[in-house]
Amino acid sequence: MSRPVQYNTHIKFEGIPEGYMGEGFMATNLEKVVSMARKNSIWPLPFATSCCGIEFMATMASHYDLARFGSERVGFSPRQCDLLMVMGTIAKKMGPVVRQVYLQMAEPRWVMAVGACASSGGVFDTYSVLQGIDQVVPVDVYVPGCPPRPEAILDGFLKIQELVNAEGLRRRYSDQYKELLSGYGIQ
């Protein structure tokens, strides 16, 4: 004798946008659907130069597995990626390269400075080290640490996802955003 199937009605699906739901349909706002899709399909571009890159490799490995958070595809071509993850010491000679990679990325694009060196120059207070990548590109999330643990990188990635989900479709066309980019000399 088989038992009838019992469904758990207390399960709440996280990340589904608010809307009208019924038997077999859902109606919601287009902006919410696009934000949810962007949030769960971020393609990071790792720009790793030193020890923070090793921590990023640990974050991508099976123990921490960044792919569980909607970042399965790590790209090394800026034209297909939307999250620039700068990790490690950036020399002043590399500043224009970071900027060029940022400009080659399609909109919308986000930037995460991973580690003390990318955030503030770290312990290298010298003439040749850029004292934070925010001098050449706008940064959305800073991940502290020298080097940061994989948990910190995951936390920074989750902050990026929150930012992506909360961002409206028209924010990038606002006067405030255009003023931010013009402060960096970006059209």
C-alpha atoms as a PDB file:
ATOM      1  CA  MET A   1       0.000   0.000   0.000  1.00  0.00           C
ATOM      2  CA  SER A   2       1.502   3.373  -0.988  1.00  0.00           C
ATOM      3  CA  ARG A   3       1.326   6.469   1.141  1.00  0.00           C
ATOM      4  CA  PRO A   4      -0.051   9.688  -0.348  1.00  0.00           C
ATOM      5  CA  VAL A   5       2.548  12.316  -1.150  1.00  0.00           C
ATOM      6  CA  GLN A   6       2.607  15.173   1.325  1.00  0.00           C
ATOM      7  CA  TYR A   7       3.984  18.486   0.209  1.00  0.00           C
ATOM      8  CA  ASN A   8       5.673  20.910   2.563  1.00  0.00           C
ATOM      9  CA  THR A   9       3.694  24.137   2.262  1.00  0.00           C
ATOM     10  CA  HIS A  10       6.048  26.037   4.576  1.00  0.00           C
ATOM     11  CA  ILE A  11       8.899  26.252   2.066  1.00  0.00           C
ATOM     12  CA  LYS A  12       9.677  29.800   1.010  1.00  0.00           C
ATOM     13  CA  PHE A  13      11.642  30.316  -2.182  1.00  0.00           C
ATOM     14  CA  GLU A  14      14.294  32.963  -1.630  1.00  0.00           C
ATOM     15  CA  GLY A  15      14.992  35.406  -4.391  1.00  0.00           C
ATOM     16  CA  ILE A  16      11.677  35.177  -6.222  1.00  0.00           C
ATOM     17  CA  PRO A  17      10.492  38.716  -6.937  1.00  0.00           C
ATOM     18  CA  GLU A  18       7.249  39.909  -5.454  1.00  0.00           C
ATOM     19  CA  GLY A  19       4.245  39.609  -7.713  1.00  0.00           C
ATOM     20  CA  TYR A  20       0.935  37.910  -8.238  1.00  0.00           C
ATOM     21  CA  MET A  21       1.163  34.133  -8.095  1.00  0.00           C
ATOM     22  CA  GLY A  22      -1.426  31.577  -8.903  1.00  0.00           C
ATOM     23  CA  GLU A  23      -1.725  28.000 -10.026  1.00  0.00           C
ATOM     24  CA  GLY A  24       0.792  27.771 -12.848  1.00  0.00           C
ATOM     25  CA  PHE A  25       1.492  31.479 -13.367  1.00  0.00           C
ATOM     26  CA  MET A  26       3.334  34.449 -11.939  1.00  0.00           C
ATOM     27  CA  ALA A  27       3.067  38.105 -12.888  1.00  0.00           C
ATOM     28  CA  THR A  28       5.636  40.615 -11.715  1.00  0.00           C
ATOM     29  CA  ASN A  29       7.554  43.724 -12.666  1.00  0.00           C
ATOM     30  CA  LEU A  30      10.097  43.428 -15.550  1.00  0.00           C
ATOM     31  CA  GLU A  31      12.694  45.375 -13.547  1.00  0.00           C
ATOM     32  CA  LYS A  32      12.495  42.843 -10.702  1.00  0.00           C
ATOM     33  CA  VAL A  33      12.930  39.898 -13.058  1.00  0.00           C
ATOM     34  CA  VAL A  34      15.931  41.496 -14.774  1.00  0.00           C
ATOM     35  CA  SER A  35      17.505  42.312 -11.388  1.00  0.00           C
ATOM     36  CA  MET A  36      17.009  38.727 -10.215  1.00  0.00           C
ATOM     37  CA  ALA A  37      18.531  37.360 -13.437  1.00  0.00           C
ATOM     38  CA  ARG A  38      21.543  39.686 -13.188  1.00  0.00           C
ATOM     39  CA  LYS A  39      22.044  38.855  -9.531  1.00  0.00           C
ATOM     40  CA  ASN A  40      22.185  35.131 -10.171  1.00  0.00           C
ATOM     41  CA  SER A  41      24.300  35.184 -13.323  1.00  0.00           C
ATOM     42  CA  ILE A  42      27.325  37.343 -12.560  1.00  0.00           C
ATOM     43  CA  TRP A  43      30.388  36.628 -14.690  1.00  0.00           C
ATOM     44  CA  PRO A  44      33.503  37.672 -12.771  1.00  0.00           C
ATOM     45  CA  LEU A  45      36.767  38.711 -14.395  1.00  0.00           C
ATOM     46  CA  PRO A  46      39.620  38.006 -11.954  1.00  0.00           C
ATOM     47  CA  PHE A  47      42.486  40.489 -12.224  1.00  0.00           C
ATOM     48  CA  ALA A  48      44.866  38.811  -9.794  1.00  0.00           C
ATOM     49  CA  THR A  49      48.457  39.897  -9.318  1.00  0.00           C
ATOM     50  CA  SER A  50      49.651  38.375  -6.039  1.00  0.00           C
ATOM     51  CA  CYS A  51      48.616  36.442  -2.923  1.00  0.00           C
ATOM     52  CA  CYS A  52      44.955  37.516  -3.064  1.00  0.00           C
ATOM     53  CA  GLY A  53      44.751  35.605  -6.344  1.00  0.00           C
ATOM     54  CA  ILE A  54      45.666  32.408  -4.493  1.00  0.00           C
ATOM     55  CA  GLU A  55      42.828  33.036  -2.045  1.00  0.00           C
ATOM     56  CA  PHE A  56      40.481  33.573  -4.995  1.00  0.00           C
ATOM     57  CA  MET A  57      41.574  30.192  -6.386  1.00  0.00           C
ATOM     58  CA  ALA A  58      40.659  28.651  -3.037  1.00  0.00           C
ATOM     59  CA  THR A  59      37.288  30.400  -3.207  1.00  0.00           C
ATOM     60  CA  MET A  60      36.614  28.917  -6.641  1.00  0.00           C
ATOM     61  CA  ALA A  61      37.733  25.417  -5.564  1.00  0.00           C
ATOM     62  CA  SER A  62      35.379  22.722  -4.368  1.00  0.00           C
ATOM     63  CA  HIS A  63      35.493  23.509  -0.640  1.00  0.00           C
ATOM     64  CA  TYR A  64      34.051  27.033  -0.966  1.00  0.00           C
ATOM     65  CA  ASP A  65      32.701  26.796  -4.547  1.00  0.00           C
ATOM     66  CA  LEU A  66      31.772  30.274  -5.717  1.00  0.00           C
ATOM     67  CA  ALA A  67      29.673  28.635  -8.441  1.00  0.00           C
ATOM     68  CA  ARG A  68      26.965  27.910  -5.862  1.00  0.00           C
ATOM     69  CA  PHE A  69      26.252  31.634  -5.739  1.00  0.00           C
ATOM     70  CA  GLY A  70      25.474  32.126  -9.424  1.00  0.00           C
ATOM     71  CA  SER A  71      28.994  32.650 -10.689  1.00  0.00           C
ATOM     72  CA  GLU A  72      29.703  29.446 -12.556  1.00  0.00           C
ATOM     73  CA  ARG A  73      31.516  31.044 -15.457  1.00  0.00           C
ATOM     74  CA  VAL A  74      34.720  32.887 -14.681  1.00  0.00           C
ATOM     75  CA  GLY A  75      35.739  34.799 -17.775  1.00  0.00           C
ATOM     76  CA  PHE A  76      39.047  36.182 -18.873  1.00  0.00           C
ATOM     77  CA  SER A  77      37.666  38.389 -21.611  1.00  0.00           C
ATOM     78  CA  PRO A  78      36.381  41.767 -20.418  1.00  0.00           C
ATOM     79  CA  ARG A  79      33.756  42.005 -23.131  1.00  0.00           C
ATOM     80  CA  GLN A  80      31.784  39.099 -21.690  1.00  0.00           C
ATOM     81  CA  CYS A  81      32.208  39.802 -17.963  1.00  0.00           C
ATOM     82  CA  ASP A  82      30.322  42.183 -15.711  1.00  0.00           C
ATOM     83  CA  LEU A  83      32.263  41.989 -12.406  1.00  0.00           C
ATOM     84  CA  LEU A  84      35.896  43.098 -12.278  1.00  0.00           C
ATOM     85  CA  MET A  85      37.601  41.534  -9.255  1.00  0.00           C
ATOM     86  CA  VAL A  86      40.942  43.263  -8.713  1.00  0.00           C
ATOM     87  CA  MET A  87      43.099  41.243  -6.331  1.00  0.00           C
ATOM     88  CA  GLY A  88      46.584  42.043  -5.160  1.00  0.00           C
ATOM     89  CA  THR A  89      49.157  44.763  -5.562  1.00  0.00           C
ATOM     90  CA  ILE A  90      48.599  47.087  -8.495  1.00  0.00           C
ATOM     91  CA  ALA A  91      51.638  49.042  -9.618  1.00  0.00           C
ATOM     92  CA  LYS A  92      51.107  52.549 -10.968  1.00  0.00           C
ATOM     93  CA  LYS A  93      52.160  51.283 -14.390  1.00  0.00           C
ATOM     94  CA  MET A  94      49.259  48.817 -14.256  1.00  0.00           C
ATOM     95  CA  GLY A  95      46.692  51.502 -13.402  1.00  0.00           C
ATOM     96  CA  PRO A  96      45.982  52.318 -17.078  1.00  0.00           C
ATOM     97  CA  VAL A  97      45.631  48.589 -17.814  1.00  0.00           C
ATOM     98  CA  VAL A  98      43.025  48.167 -15.047  1.00  0.00           C
ATOM     99  CA  ARG A  99      41.203  51.194 -16.419  1.00  0.00           C
ATOM    100  CA  GLN A 100      41.320  49.847 -19.986  1.00  0.00           C
ATOM    101  CA  VAL A 101      39.953  46.472 -18.874  1.00  0.00           C
ATOM    102  CA  TYR A 102      37.162  48.295 -17.005  1.00  0.00           C
ATOM    103  CA  LEU A 103      36.280  50.357 -20.075  1.00  0.00           C
ATOM    104  CA  GLN A 104      36.165  47.248 -22.290  1.00  0.00           C
ATOM    105  CA  MET A 105      33.509  45.695 -20.070  1.00  0.00           C
ATOM    106  CA  ALA A 106      29.903  46.145 -21.150  1.00  0.00           C
ATOM    107  CA  GLU A 107      27.406  47.999 -18.985  1.00  0.00           C
ATOM    108  CA  PRO A 108      26.237  47.255 -16.381  1.00  0.00           C
ATOM    109  CA  ARG A 109      29.549  46.508 -14.724  1.00  0.00           C
ATOM    110  CA  TRP A 110      30.676  46.324 -11.129  1.00  0.00           C
ATOM    111  CA  VAL A 111      34.089  46.378  -9.422  1.00  0.00           C
ATOM    112  CA  MET A 112      35.285  44.576  -6.305  1.00  0.00           C
ATOM    113  CA  ALA A 113      38.634  45.475  -4.698  1.00  0.00           C
ATOM    114  CA  VAL A 114      39.874  42.332  -2.949  1.00  0.00           C
ATOM    115  CA  GLY A 115      42.506  42.664  -0.255  1.00  0.00           C
ATOM    116  CA  ALA A 116      44.390  45.497   1.364  1.00  0.00           C
ATOM    117  CA  CYS A 117      46.637  46.160  -1.646  1.00  0.00           C
ATOM    118  CA  ALA A 118      43.796  46.680  -4.135  1.00  0.00           C
ATOM    119  CA  SER A 119      41.815  48.677  -1.579  1.00  0.00           C
ATOM    120  CA  SER A 120      44.498  50.985  -0.181  1.00  0.00           C
ATOM    121  CA  GLY A 121      47.956  49.923  -1.342  1.00  0.00           C
ATOM    122  CA  GLY A 122      48.380  47.670   1.696  1.00  0.00           C
ATOM    123  CA  VAL A 123      51.782  47.666   3.352  1.00  0.00           C
ATOM    124  CA  PHE A 124      53.400  48.953   0.151  1.00  0.00           C
ATOM    125  CA  ASP A 125      53.386  52.703   0.749  1.00  0.00           C
ATOM    126  CA  THR A 126      55.899  53.332  -2.023  1.00  0.00           C
ATOM    127  CA  TYR A 127      56.146  55.483  -5.113  1.00  0.00           C
ATOM    128  CA  SER A 128      55.463  52.574  -7.462  1.00  0.00           C
ATOM    129  CA  VAL A 129      52.307  51.081  -5.896  1.00  0.00           C
ATOM    130  CA  LEU A 130      48.860  52.475  -6.601  1.00  0.00           C
ATOM    131  CA  GLN A 131      47.276  53.367  -3.255  1.00  0.00           C
ATOM    132  CA  GLY A 132      43.904  51.846  -4.071  1.00  0.00           C
ATOM    133  CA  ILE A 133      42.317  51.089  -7.420  1.00  0.00           C
ATOM    134  CA  ASP A 134      39.608  53.643  -6.702  1.00  0.00           C
ATOM    135  CA  GLN A 135      42.091  56.160  -8.095  1.00  0.00           C
ATOM    136  CA  VAL A 136      41.532  54.768 -11.610  1.00  0.00           C
ATOM    137  CA  VAL A 137      38.098  53.063 -11.563  1.00  0.00           C
ATOM    138  CA  PRO A 138      35.013  53.380  -9.339  1.00  0.00           C
ATOM    139  CA  VAL A 139      34.806  50.559  -6.777  1.00  0.00           C
ATOM    140  CA  ASP A 140      31.515  49.085  -5.562  1.00  0.00           C
ATOM    141  CA  VAL A 141      32.689  46.687  -2.817  1.00  0.00           C
ATOM    142  CA  TYR A 142      35.907  46.534  -0.800  1.00  0.00           C
ATOM    143  CA  VAL A 143      36.972  43.194   0.710  1.00  0.00           C
ATOM    144  CA  PRO A 144      39.386  43.707   3.629  1.00  0.00           C
ATOM    145  CA  GLY A 145      42.240  41.412   4.567  1.00  0.00           C
ATOM    146  CA  CYS A 146      45.834  40.677   3.755  1.00  0.00           C
ATOM    147  CA  PRO A 147      45.092  38.303   2.136  1.00  0.00           C
ATOM    148  CA  PRO A 148      41.367  37.974   2.759  1.00  0.00           C
ATOM    149  CA  ARG A 149      40.012  34.556   3.639  1.00  0.00           C
ATOM    150  CA  PRO A 150      37.763  32.839   1.092  1.00  0.00           C
ATOM    151  CA  GLU A 151      34.818  33.547   3.399  1.00  0.00           C
ATOM    152  CA  ALA A 152      35.525  37.279   3.084  1.00  0.00           C
ATOM    153  CA  ILE A 153      35.637  37.021  -0.706  1.00  0.00           C
ATOM    154  CA  LEU A 154      32.318  35.158  -0.644  1.00  0.00           C
ATOM    155  CA  ASP A 155      30.869  37.858   1.607  1.00  0.00           C
ATOM    156  CA  GLY A 156      32.051  40.535  -0.825  1.00  0.00           C
ATOM    157  CA  PHE A 157      30.469  38.616  -3.679  1.00  0.00           C
ATOM    158  CA  LEU A 158      27.177  38.422  -1.761  1.00  0.00           C
ATOM    159  CA  LYS A 159      27.361  42.210  -1.228  1.00  0.00           C
ATOM    160  CA  ILE A 160      27.791  42.631  -4.985  1.00  0.00           C
ATOM    161  CA  GLN A 161      24.730  40.434  -5.526  1.00  0.00           C
ATOM    162  CA  GLU A 162      22.701  42.582  -3.110  1.00  0.00           C
ATOM    163  CA  LEU A 163      23.829  45.702  -4.949  1.00  0.00           C
ATOM    164  CA  VAL A 164      22.965  44.187  -8.343  1.00  0.00           C
ATOM    165  CA  ASN A 165      19.529  43.085  -7.115  1.00  0.00           C
ATOM    166  CA  ALA A 166      18.733  46.514  -5.643  1.00  0.00           C
ATOM    167  CA  GLU A 167      19.907  48.454  -8.696  1.00  0.00           C
ATOM    168  CA  GLY A 168      17.201  49.670 -11.011  1.00  0.00           C
ATOM    169  CA  LEU A 169      17.355  49.413 -14.772  1.00  0.00           C
ATOM    170  CA  ARG A 170      17.650  53.165 -15.223  1.00  0.00           C
ATOM    171  CA  ARG A 171      20.231  53.916 -12.492  1.00  0.00           C
ATOM    172  CA  ARG A 172      23.088  53.815 -14.993  1.00  0.00           C
ATOM    173  CA  TYR A 173      21.442  56.650 -16.946  1.00  0.00           C
ATOM    174  CA  SER A 174      21.006  58.905 -13.917  1.00  0.00           C
ATOM    175  CA  ASP A 175      22.812  62.220 -13.585  1.00  0.00           C
ATOM    176  CA  GLN A 176      24.471  61.021 -10.358  1.00  0.00           C
ATOM    177  CA  TYR A 177      26.022  57.988 -12.088  1.00  0.00           C
ATOM    178  CA  LYS A 178      27.169  60.079 -15.056  1.00  0.00           C
ATOM    179  CA  GLU A 179      28.755  62.545 -12.626  1.00  0.00           C
ATOM    180  CA  LEU A 180      30.588  59.688 -10.867  1.00  0.00           C
ATOM    181  CA  LEU A 181      32.015  58.412 -14.154  1.00  0.00           C
ATOM    182  CA  SER A 182      32.958  61.900 -15.321  1.00  0.00           C
ATOM    183  CA  GLY A 183      34.942  62.267 -12.079  1.00  0.00           C
ATOM    184  CA  TYR A 184      37.079  59.384 -13.399  1.00  0.00           C
ATOM    185  CA  GLY A 185      37.218  60.883 -16.898  1.00  0.00           C
ATOM    186  CA  ILE A 186      34.928  58.211 -18.331  1.00  0.00           C
ATOM    187  CA  GLN A 187      32.252  59.223 -20.844  1.00  0.00           C
END
